[in-house]
Amino acid sequence: MSKGIFYAVSAAVLFGLSTPAAKWLVGQMPPALLAGLLYAGSGLGLAALSLFRHGGEASLTRRDWPWLGGAVLFGGVLAPLALMFGLQRTPGGVASLLLNLEGVLTALLAWFAFRENFDKRIALGMALIVGGGALLSWQGGGQLTWGAGFIALACLCWGLDNNLTQKVSAANPLHIAMTKGLVAGVVNTALALSLGAKLPALPVLGATLAVGFLGYGLSLLLFVLALRHIGTARTGAYFSLAPFVGAVIAIPLLHEPVGAIFFAAALLMGAGVWLHLSENHVHEHRHERLEHAHRHVHDNHHQHEHPPGIDPREPHTHHHVHEPMTHSHPHFPDIHHRHGHSH
């Protein structure tokens, strides 16, 4: 398993475990306050973690901040608000499976808006996941529930967030995730308190911050690392495992009923995720000249000289140049493989 896949799957597990917990917490406080405290827990936890980690990654540059600002707006402010409103109106197990739509919308945006390549196998997998999500969204009388609509909106916002974050994924992932958490936590918490919300009792507050650190903070840190290694669409595809983790936990923990529609949707979504996981992408491709800075080792893509003052021990971080090169090997659309494809 590549590092990128490991990071993406680990991020999915942590986020999936947080969804049933958020379903329980949403009954303890208003949705806007819960969203703010979850992200506050993320930002504060990662800020504490940063005290024990020094250097080793490239810093954010001035060109990175507009991309990161958009990611914070869509993924840190709008998406969690929509999710919390959706969780108020949707059973936890169903909500967990609906969150599969994030991977689909992330990939569609990557394909059509951000021009990242993925093949027909991935497109078929997305279609199966959409079909499963549609089954879960329709309840008695054939009416689309408001709760499902809010969760779908949250997935769209996170899809935008994921694509914008990929643009800065070469920079320090801890600083990226910490910044998103702190800004989103302050904005959402301040908004909730201004509307009259009150902070919950200390045990509930502590539990909320802990869920935020694990399910939003560490999960996002691993997600950014995955974006760097396997690109946006593939990371979104692997992250589609998160709803299954959440659903497995939610059913026994929250004592929620399951029926034929639930299992049919799970089957469709499972088949779609399997198609994503089993993809293999190999062809001859050309690397154009590229200059950037990120943490790296001297693999086939990093054969360069070092200016005076650079510590040659690996892995290390410095500004470096990739000269043009043509070769063939299995690869993903990571930060070094953003080439076009003929269809």
Protein backbone atom coordinates (compact mmCIF):
# COMPACT_ATOMS: atom_id res chain seq x y z
CA MET A 1 0.00 0.00 0.00
CA SER A 2 1.41 3.42 -0.96
CA LYS A 3 1.80 6.14 1.64
CA GLY A 4 -0.94 8.18 -0.02
CA ILE A 5 -3.48 5.36 0.21
CA PHE A 6 -2.54 4.71 3.85
CA TYR A 7 -3.02 8.39 4.69
CA ALA A 8 -6.38 8.55 2.89
CA VAL A 9 -7.77 5.39 4.50
CA SER A 10 -6.59 6.49 7.96
CA ALA A 11 -8.25 9.88 7.45
CA ALA A 12 -11.45 8.09 6.42
CA VAL A 13 -11.49 5.89 9.51
CA LEU A 14 -11.01 8.82 11.89
CA PHE A 15 -13.69 10.94 10.20
CA GLY A 16 -16.07 7.99 9.96
CA LEU A 17 -15.81 7.37 13.69
CA SER A 18 -16.61 11.03 14.37
CA THR A 19 -19.99 11.02 12.56
CA PRO A 20 -21.97 8.90 15.07
CA ALA A 21 -20.34 10.92 17.88
CA ALA A 22 -21.45 14.16 16.21
CA LYS A 23 -24.96 12.69 15.83
CA TRP A 24 -25.11 12.24 19.61
CA LEU A 25 -23.56 15.65 20.32
CA VAL A 26 -25.97 17.48 17.99
CA GLY A 27 -28.69 16.80 20.55
CA GLN A 28 -26.65 18.54 23.24
CA MET A 29 -26.23 21.97 21.60
CA PRO A 30 -27.25 24.03 18.53
CA PRO A 31 -25.74 22.85 15.22
CA ALA A 32 -23.75 26.05 14.62
CA LEU A 33 -22.12 25.81 18.05
CA LEU A 34 -21.31 22.14 17.57
CA ALA A 35 -19.67 22.88 14.21
CA GLY A 36 -17.60 25.64 15.80
CA LEU A 37 -16.47 23.55 18.75
CA LEU A 38 -15.55 20.56 16.57
CA TYR A 39 -13.28 22.75 14.47
CA ALA A 40 -11.99 24.54 17.56
CA GLY A 41 -10.98 21.14 18.94
CA SER A 42 -9.28 20.43 15.63
CA GLY A 43 -7.34 23.70 15.57
CA LEU A 44 -6.39 23.72 19.25
CA GLY A 45 -5.31 20.08 19.20
CA LEU A 46 -3.15 20.56 16.12
CA ALA A 47 -1.70 23.78 17.57
CA ALA A 48 -0.62 21.79 20.63
CA LEU A 49 0.80 19.08 18.37
CA SER A 50 2.78 21.69 16.42
CA LEU A 51 4.67 22.59 19.62
CA PHE A 52 6.33 19.18 19.46
CA ARG A 53 7.05 19.18 15.72
CA HIS A 54 9.61 21.63 14.39
CA GLY A 55 10.46 22.23 10.73
CA GLY A 56 10.75 19.57 8.06
CA GLU A 57 8.02 20.92 5.76
CA ALA A 58 7.72 23.80 3.29
CA SER A 59 6.05 26.97 4.53
CA LEU A 60 2.89 28.45 3.05
CA THR A 61 3.62 31.20 0.52
CA ARG A 62 1.67 34.32 -0.44
CA ARG A 63 0.30 32.50 -3.51
CA ASP A 64 -1.11 29.76 -1.26
CA TRP A 65 -3.34 31.95 0.90
CA PRO A 66 -6.19 32.59 -1.59
CA TRP A 67 -6.54 28.83 -2.17
CA LEU A 68 -6.42 28.14 1.56
CA GLY A 69 -8.89 30.95 2.28
CA GLY A 70 -11.42 29.43 -0.12
CA ALA A 71 -10.88 26.00 1.43
CA VAL A 72 -11.53 27.40 4.91
CA LEU A 73 -14.73 29.15 3.78
CA PHE A 74 -16.27 26.14 2.05
CA GLY A 75 -14.86 23.31 4.15
CA GLY A 76 -14.47 24.94 7.54
CA VAL A 77 -17.51 27.22 7.76
CA LEU A 78 -20.27 26.28 5.30
CA ALA A 79 -19.84 22.48 5.19
CA PRO A 80 -19.96 21.76 8.95
CA LEU A 81 -22.98 24.03 9.38
CA ALA A 82 -24.84 22.15 6.65
CA LEU A 83 -23.80 18.78 8.13
CA MET A 84 -24.99 19.64 11.64
CA PHE A 85 -28.40 20.76 10.30
CA GLY A 86 -28.56 17.56 8.27
CA LEU A 87 -27.72 15.37 11.25
CA GLN A 88 -30.64 16.90 13.16
CA ARG A 89 -33.05 15.53 10.55
CA THR A 90 -31.39 12.27 9.43
CA PRO A 91 -30.64 8.95 11.22
CA GLY A 92 -26.92 8.56 11.97
CA GLY A 93 -26.42 5.40 9.89
CA VAL A 94 -28.14 6.91 6.85
CA ALA A 95 -26.21 10.16 7.29
CA SER A 96 -22.92 8.24 7.41
CA LEU A 97 -23.62 6.52 4.09
CA LEU A 98 -24.83 9.74 2.46
CA LEU A 99 -21.43 11.23 3.22
CA ASN A 100 -20.11 8.99 0.42
CA LEU A 101 -21.28 11.79 -1.86
CA GLU A 102 -18.29 13.85 -0.74
CA GLY A 103 -15.93 11.54 -2.62
CA VAL A 104 -18.12 11.64 -5.71
CA LEU A 105 -18.47 15.43 -5.75
CA THR A 106 -14.77 15.85 -5.00
CA ALA A 107 -13.90 13.70 -8.01
CA LEU A 108 -16.41 15.39 -10.33
CA LEU A 109 -15.06 18.83 -9.43
CA ALA A 110 -11.50 17.58 -9.86
CA TRP A 111 -12.37 16.20 -13.29
CA PHE A 112 -14.48 18.99 -14.77
CA ALA A 113 -13.42 22.14 -12.88
CA PHE A 114 -9.79 21.42 -11.95
CA ARG A 115 -8.90 19.19 -14.96
CA GLU A 116 -7.56 16.22 -13.00
CA ASN A 117 -7.71 12.95 -14.89
CA PHE A 118 -9.54 9.80 -13.81
CA ASP A 119 -10.76 6.96 -16.01
CA LYS A 120 -14.08 5.25 -16.82
CA ARG A 121 -13.62 2.81 -13.94
CA ILE A 122 -13.67 5.69 -11.46
CA ALA A 123 -16.68 7.24 -13.23
CA LEU A 124 -18.61 3.94 -12.92
CA GLY A 125 -17.70 3.72 -9.24
CA MET A 126 -19.02 7.23 -8.69
CA ALA A 127 -22.27 6.35 -10.46
CA LEU A 128 -22.79 3.41 -8.09
CA ILE A 129 -22.12 5.61 -5.07
CA VAL A 130 -24.57 8.23 -6.36
CA GLY A 131 -27.18 5.49 -6.82
CA GLY A 132 -26.72 4.36 -3.23
CA GLY A 133 -26.97 7.92 -1.99
CA ALA A 134 -30.18 8.45 -3.97
CA LEU A 135 -31.75 5.38 -2.34
CA LEU A 136 -30.93 6.70 1.12
CA SER A 137 -32.19 10.21 0.32
CA TRP A 138 -35.74 9.12 -0.57
CA GLN A 139 -38.04 8.13 2.27
CA GLY A 140 -41.76 7.36 2.49
CA GLY A 141 -43.91 9.06 -0.14
CA GLY A 142 -40.96 9.60 -2.47
CA GLN A 143 -40.05 12.95 -0.94
CA LEU A 144 -36.45 14.10 -0.75
CA THR A 145 -35.80 14.90 2.93
CA TRP A 146 -34.36 18.23 4.00
CA GLY A 147 -31.81 16.41 6.13
CA ALA A 148 -30.43 14.57 3.10
CA GLY A 149 -30.31 17.84 1.18
CA PHE A 150 -28.25 19.54 3.89
CA ILE A 151 -25.82 16.60 3.99
CA ALA A 152 -25.47 16.70 0.19
CA LEU A 153 -24.75 20.46 0.43
CA ALA A 154 -22.08 19.75 3.04
CA CYS A 155 -20.52 17.19 0.69
CA LEU A 156 -20.45 19.74 -2.15
CA CYS A 157 -18.73 22.31 0.07
CA TRP A 158 -16.17 19.73 1.20
CA GLY A 159 -15.64 18.74 -2.43
CA LEU A 160 -14.68 22.33 -3.21
CA ASP A 161 -12.54 22.45 -0.08
CA ASN A 162 -10.66 19.29 -1.10
CA ASN A 163 -9.83 20.60 -4.56
CA LEU A 164 -8.70 23.97 -3.24
CA THR A 165 -6.58 22.33 -0.53
CA GLN A 166 -4.82 20.18 -3.13
CA LYS A 167 -3.42 23.39 -4.59
CA VAL A 168 -1.42 24.00 -1.38
CA SER A 169 -0.74 20.38 -0.35
CA ALA A 170 3.01 20.67 -0.95
CA ALA A 171 3.19 23.03 2.05
CA ASN A 172 3.23 22.02 5.72
CA PRO A 173 0.08 19.87 6.21
CA LEU A 174 0.02 20.50 9.95
CA HIS A 175 -0.10 24.27 9.42
CA ILE A 176 -2.78 23.91 6.73
CA ALA A 177 -5.04 21.76 8.92
CA MET A 178 -4.37 23.88 12.02
CA THR A 179 -5.21 27.12 10.19
CA LYS A 180 -8.46 25.69 8.84
CA GLY A 181 -9.45 24.41 12.27
CA LEU A 182 -8.70 27.61 14.17
CA VAL A 183 -10.39 29.95 11.66
CA ALA A 184 -13.46 27.74 11.23
CA GLY A 185 -13.70 27.19 14.99
CA VAL A 186 -13.58 30.90 15.82
CA VAL A 187 -16.05 31.90 13.07
CA ASN A 188 -18.66 29.22 13.77
CA THR A 189 -18.42 29.46 17.56
CA ALA A 190 -18.65 33.27 17.51
CA LEU A 191 -21.66 33.07 15.17
CA ALA A 192 -23.44 30.59 17.43
CA LEU A 193 -22.77 32.57 20.60
CA SER A 194 -23.95 35.79 18.96
CA LEU A 195 -27.25 34.05 18.15
CA GLY A 196 -27.77 33.16 21.81
CA ALA A 197 -26.21 29.72 22.10
CA LYS A 198 -24.62 28.76 25.43
CA LEU A 199 -21.52 26.63 25.92
CA PRO A 200 -22.40 23.10 27.09
CA ALA A 201 -21.40 21.57 30.42
CA LEU A 202 -17.69 20.86 30.82
CA PRO A 203 -17.87 17.07 30.16
CA VAL A 204 -19.81 17.61 26.92
CA LEU A 205 -17.48 20.46 25.93
CA GLY A 206 -14.43 18.27 26.50
CA ALA A 207 -15.94 15.38 24.52
CA THR A 208 -16.76 17.74 21.63
CA LEU A 209 -13.23 19.15 21.48
CA ALA A 210 -11.78 15.63 21.59
CA VAL A 211 -14.02 14.44 18.73
CA GLY A 212 -13.00 17.53 16.78
CA PHE A 213 -9.29 16.89 17.29
CA LEU A 214 -9.47 13.24 16.18
CA GLY A 215 -12.24 13.31 13.56
CA TYR A 216 -11.53 16.71 12.03
CA GLY A 217 -7.96 17.64 13.03
CA LEU A 218 -5.88 14.48 12.66
CA SER A 219 -8.18 13.29 9.87
CA LEU A 220 -7.61 16.51 7.92
CA LEU A 221 -3.85 16.35 8.50
CA LEU A 222 -3.77 12.85 6.99
CA PHE A 223 -6.13 13.94 4.18
CA VAL A 224 -3.78 16.76 3.13
CA LEU A 225 -0.87 14.31 3.04
CA ALA A 226 -2.96 12.00 0.85
CA LEU A 227 -3.76 14.89 -1.52
CA ARG A 228 -0.05 15.44 -1.96
CA HIS A 229 0.63 11.80 -2.87
CA ILE A 230 -2.41 10.58 -4.85
CA GLY A 231 -4.32 13.67 -5.98
CA THR A 232 -7.81 14.95 -5.24
CA ALA A 233 -10.11 12.48 -7.01
CA ARG A 234 -8.32 9.39 -5.71
CA THR A 235 -8.11 10.75 -2.18
CA GLY A 236 -11.83 11.46 -2.31
CA ALA A 237 -12.44 7.93 -3.53
CA TYR A 238 -10.52 6.30 -0.68
CA PHE A 239 -12.13 8.72 1.77
CA SER A 240 -15.46 7.22 0.71
CA LEU A 241 -14.69 4.47 3.22
CA ALA A 242 -15.51 6.94 6.02
CA PRO A 243 -19.32 6.60 5.80
CA PHE A 244 -19.11 2.82 6.06
CA VAL A 245 -17.08 3.12 9.26
CA GLY A 246 -19.64 5.57 10.61
CA ALA A 247 -22.60 3.41 9.64
CA VAL A 248 -21.14 0.28 11.26
CA ILE A 249 -20.66 2.21 14.52
CA ALA A 250 -23.96 4.14 14.38
CA ILE A 251 -26.29 1.16 14.02
CA PRO A 252 -25.43 -0.61 17.31
CA LEU A 253 -24.38 2.53 19.21
CA LEU A 254 -27.47 4.60 18.41
CA HIS A 255 -29.84 1.59 18.15
CA GLU A 256 -31.03 2.66 14.73
CA PRO A 257 -33.23 0.36 12.58
CA VAL A 258 -31.99 -0.93 9.24
CA GLY A 259 -34.01 -2.24 6.31
CA ALA A 260 -33.73 -3.47 2.75
CA ILE A 261 -33.09 0.02 1.33
CA PHE A 262 -30.18 0.54 3.70
CA PHE A 263 -28.52 -2.75 2.67
CA ALA A 264 -29.18 -2.14 -1.04
CA ALA A 265 -27.58 1.30 -0.77
CA ALA A 266 -24.63 -0.14 1.12
CA LEU A 267 -24.15 -2.77 -1.61
CA LEU A 268 -24.13 -0.14 -4.37
CA MET A 269 -21.77 2.12 -2.47
CA GLY A 270 -19.49 -0.78 -1.58
CA ALA A 271 -19.20 -1.79 -5.23
CA GLY A 272 -18.40 1.79 -6.16
CA VAL A 273 -15.69 2.07 -3.54
CA TRP A 274 -14.19 -1.27 -4.66
CA LEU A 275 -13.90 0.05 -8.22
CA HIS A 276 -12.05 3.07 -6.84
CA LEU A 277 -9.73 1.00 -4.70
CA SER A 278 -8.80 -1.43 -7.49
CA GLU A 279 -7.87 1.19 -10.10
CA ASN A 280 -4.43 0.97 -11.77
CA HIS A 281 -3.08 3.86 -13.86
CA VAL A 282 0.05 3.33 -16.02
CA HIS A 283 1.17 5.07 -19.23
CA GLU A 284 4.10 6.96 -20.70
CA HIS A 285 3.99 10.59 -19.63
CA ARG A 286 6.16 13.68 -19.81
CA HIS A 287 7.17 15.89 -16.89
CA GLU A 288 7.58 19.54 -17.82
CA ARG A 289 10.05 21.76 -15.96
CA LEU A 290 8.75 22.44 -12.45
CA GLU A 291 10.03 24.51 -9.52
CA HIS A 292 8.61 24.12 -6.01
CA ALA A 293 9.45 23.26 -2.39
CA HIS A 294 8.23 20.31 -0.33
CA ARG A 295 9.47 17.44 1.85
CA HIS A 296 11.06 14.75 -0.35
CA VAL A 297 13.65 12.01 -0.79
CA HIS A 298 15.87 11.50 -3.84
CA ASP A 299 13.66 9.12 -5.82
CA ASN A 300 13.37 8.99 -9.62
CA HIS A 301 11.59 12.36 -9.64
CA HIS A 302 14.12 14.12 -7.41
CA GLN A 303 17.56 13.90 -8.97
CA HIS A 304 18.95 17.38 -8.37
CA GLU A 305 21.96 19.17 -6.98
CA HIS A 306 21.91 21.05 -3.67
CA PRO A 307 23.06 24.62 -3.15
CA PRO A 308 25.40 25.35 -0.25
CA GLY A 309 23.76 25.22 3.16
CA ILE A 310 21.20 22.50 2.39
CA ASP A 311 21.33 19.50 4.72
CA PRO A 312 21.67 16.48 2.38
CA ARG A 313 20.12 14.03 4.87
CA GLU A 314 16.75 12.67 3.70
CA PRO A 315 13.89 13.38 3.84
CA HIS A 316 14.48 17.10 3.64
CA THR A 317 12.78 20.25 2.39
CA HIS A 318 14.11 22.94 0.06
CA HIS A 319 13.28 24.75 -3.16
CA HIS A 320 14.28 22.55 -6.11
CA VAL A 321 13.90 22.24 -9.88
CA HIS A 322 12.52 19.27 -11.84
CA GLU A 323 14.01 19.11 -15.33
CA PRO A 324 11.86 17.76 -18.21
CA MET A 325 11.64 13.96 -18.30
CA THR A 326 9.60 11.27 -20.09
CA HIS A 327 9.01 7.80 -18.60
CA SER A 328 6.32 5.24 -17.74
CA HIS A 329 5.32 3.84 -14.34
CA PRO A 330 2.18 3.41 -12.18
CA HIS A 331 1.21 6.81 -10.81
CA PHE A 332 -1.51 9.03 -9.43
CA PRO A 333 -2.16 12.73 -10.17
CA ASP A 334 0.03 13.84 -7.25
CA ILE A 335 1.91 17.13 -7.06
CA HIS A 336 4.34 15.85 -9.72
CA HIS A 337 1.84 14.26 -12.14
CA ARG A 338 -0.59 16.95 -13.25
CA HIS A 339 -0.26 16.17 -16.96
CA GLY A 340 -3.07 15.96 -19.48
CA HIS A 341 -4.41 12.77 -21.07
CA SER A 342 -5.75 11.93 -24.51
CA HIS A 343 -9.08 10.02 -24.53
